[in-house]
Amino acid sequence: MDKKTRPDNVDGYISMFPDSVQRVLRKVRATVLEAAPQAEETISYGMPAFRYHGILVYFAGYANHIGFYATPTGHKKFEKALANYKQGKGSVQFPLDKPIPYDLISEIVTFRMAENLEKKTKKRNRGK
């Protein structure tokens, strides 16, 4: 994807993929928004991102998997549950030929919301 084809919103991003991948991306998006209804959608680093007192998670579509990025802390907290998936620091690949763990995505988002809120509260309290 070059800069000319980079989408400026999540709908545009999802529309760039084949229908079968679009269905999964829409479900990931809905899962994140259900777990974090206050989150703001944006495009960051060329992929969908969700903010709630800072970045919560990113996700991205690929030919054979969905990339899910919950920062290193989100992945560390759920390392046992993510152990069967290919991972990098702060990233995990959910293969498209296997069931996507939407419940796990929801749990990770909920954890990241609490983590971001706690950081914001601590920062605010230090300023007093």
Protein backbone atom coordinates (compact mmCIF):
# COMPACT_ATOMS: atom_id res chain seq x y z
CA MET A 1 0.00 0.00 0.00
CA ASP A 2 1.61 3.29 -1.01
CA LYS A 3 0.75 6.75 0.26
CA LYS A 4 -1.61 7.35 -2.66
CA THR A 5 -3.79 4.39 -1.70
CA ARG A 6 -3.63 4.83 2.07
CA PRO A 7 -7.14 5.12 3.45
CA ASP A 8 -8.08 8.01 5.70
CA ASN A 9 -10.68 6.08 7.72
CA VAL A 10 -11.42 2.55 8.91
CA ASP A 11 -14.20 1.95 6.36
CA GLY A 12 -11.79 2.85 3.56
CA TYR A 13 -9.16 0.53 4.99
CA ILE A 14 -11.53 -2.43 5.25
CA SER A 15 -12.88 -1.86 1.72
CA MET A 16 -9.41 -2.52 0.25
CA PHE A 17 -9.62 -6.24 1.07
CA PRO A 18 -11.45 -9.20 -0.49
CA ASP A 19 -14.95 -9.82 0.89
CA SER A 20 -13.86 -12.78 3.01
CA VAL A 21 -11.20 -10.69 4.77
CA GLN A 22 -13.56 -7.69 5.03
CA ARG A 23 -16.02 -9.82 7.02
CA VAL A 24 -13.33 -10.72 9.55
CA LEU A 25 -12.01 -7.14 9.75
CA ARG A 26 -15.53 -5.81 10.35
CA LYS A 27 -16.05 -8.38 13.13
CA VAL A 28 -12.70 -7.45 14.75
CA ARG A 29 -13.71 -3.79 14.57
CA ALA A 30 -17.13 -4.50 16.08
CA THR A 31 -15.52 -6.59 18.84
CA VAL A 32 -13.16 -3.76 19.76
CA LEU A 33 -15.95 -1.17 19.73
CA GLU A 34 -18.23 -3.39 21.81
CA ALA A 35 -15.49 -3.78 24.44
CA ALA A 36 -14.54 -0.10 24.23
CA PRO A 37 -17.58 1.94 23.16
CA GLN A 38 -15.85 5.17 24.21
CA ALA A 39 -12.85 4.47 21.97
CA GLU A 40 -12.13 6.76 19.04
CA GLU A 41 -11.33 5.14 15.69
CA THR A 42 -8.46 6.45 13.64
CA ILE A 43 -5.89 5.35 11.11
CA SER A 44 -2.35 5.22 12.47
CA TYR A 45 0.69 3.68 10.80
CA GLY A 46 -1.63 2.96 7.86
CA MET A 47 -3.97 0.68 9.82
CA PRO A 48 -7.06 0.95 12.03
CA ALA A 49 -6.30 2.07 15.56
CA PHE A 50 -8.46 2.78 18.58
CA ARG A 51 -7.74 5.45 21.18
CA TYR A 52 -8.92 5.73 24.75
CA HIS A 53 -6.59 7.90 26.81
CA GLY A 54 -3.90 6.80 24.37
CA ILE A 55 -3.72 3.96 21.87
CA LEU A 56 -5.59 0.81 22.87
CA VAL A 57 -5.00 -1.51 19.93
CA TYR A 58 -4.36 -1.62 16.21
CA PHE A 59 -5.39 -4.29 13.72
CA ALA A 60 -4.50 -5.01 10.11
CA GLY A 61 -5.54 -7.32 7.31
CA TYR A 62 -3.17 -9.55 5.37
CA ALA A 63 -3.59 -12.33 2.81
CA ASN A 64 -3.42 -15.14 5.36
CA HIS A 65 -3.93 -13.57 8.76
CA ILE A 66 -5.21 -10.65 10.81
CA GLY A 67 -2.51 -8.75 12.64
CA PHE A 68 -3.51 -7.56 16.09
CA TYR A 69 -1.34 -5.11 18.02
CA ALA A 70 -2.09 -4.44 21.68
CA THR A 71 1.33 -3.02 22.57
CA PRO A 72 3.75 -5.21 24.46
CA THR A 73 1.80 -4.93 27.73
CA GLY A 74 -1.42 -6.31 26.25
CA HIS A 75 0.44 -9.25 24.78
CA LYS A 76 2.45 -9.93 27.92
CA LYS A 77 -0.69 -10.03 30.08
CA PHE A 78 -2.29 -12.59 27.74
CA GLU A 79 0.84 -14.51 26.72
CA LYS A 80 -0.59 -17.92 27.71
CA ALA A 81 -3.79 -17.36 25.73
CA LEU A 82 -1.76 -16.13 22.74
CA ALA A 83 0.87 -18.88 22.93
CA ASN A 84 -0.55 -20.84 19.98
CA TYR A 85 -0.28 -17.88 17.60
CA LYS A 86 2.71 -16.46 15.73
CA GLN A 87 3.89 -13.37 17.61
CA GLY A 88 6.32 -10.50 17.66
CA LYS A 89 6.88 -7.88 20.33
CA GLY A 90 3.44 -6.33 20.74
CA SER A 91 1.91 -8.20 17.81
CA VAL A 92 0.07 -11.43 17.11
CA GLN A 93 -1.14 -13.08 13.92
CA PHE A 94 -4.57 -14.71 13.86
CA PRO A 95 -4.64 -17.05 10.82
CA LEU A 96 -7.64 -16.60 8.55
CA ASP A 97 -8.01 -20.36 8.12
CA LYS A 98 -8.70 -20.83 11.84
CA PRO A 99 -11.40 -19.34 14.11
CA ILE A 100 -10.56 -15.79 15.18
CA PRO A 101 -10.56 -15.52 19.02
CA TYR A 102 -13.00 -12.62 19.28
CA ASP A 103 -13.58 -13.22 23.00
CA LEU A 104 -9.84 -12.96 23.61
CA ILE A 105 -9.67 -9.75 21.55
CA SER A 106 -12.44 -8.34 23.75
CA GLU A 107 -10.58 -9.30 26.94
CA ILE A 108 -7.37 -7.70 25.67
CA VAL A 109 -9.17 -4.47 24.76
CA THR A 110 -10.84 -4.35 28.17
CA PHE A 111 -7.44 -4.83 29.83
CA ARG A 112 -5.86 -2.09 27.69
CA MET A 113 -8.70 0.33 28.53
CA ALA A 114 -8.16 -0.21 32.25
CA GLU A 115 -4.40 0.12 31.79
CA ASN A 116 -4.70 3.41 29.89
CA LEU A 117 -7.19 4.80 32.40
CA GLU A 118 -4.91 3.86 35.30
CA LYS A 119 -1.96 5.62 33.61
CA LYS A 120 -4.08 8.72 33.06
CA THR A 121 -5.24 8.71 36.71
CA LYS A 122 -1.69 8.30 38.02
CA LYS A 123 -0.45 11.11 35.78
CA ARG A 124 -3.26 13.40 36.93
CA ASN A 125 -2.60 12.59 40.60
CA ARG A 126 1.13 13.33 40.23
CA GLY A 127 0.24 16.79 38.99
CA LYS A 128 -1.60 17.66 42.22
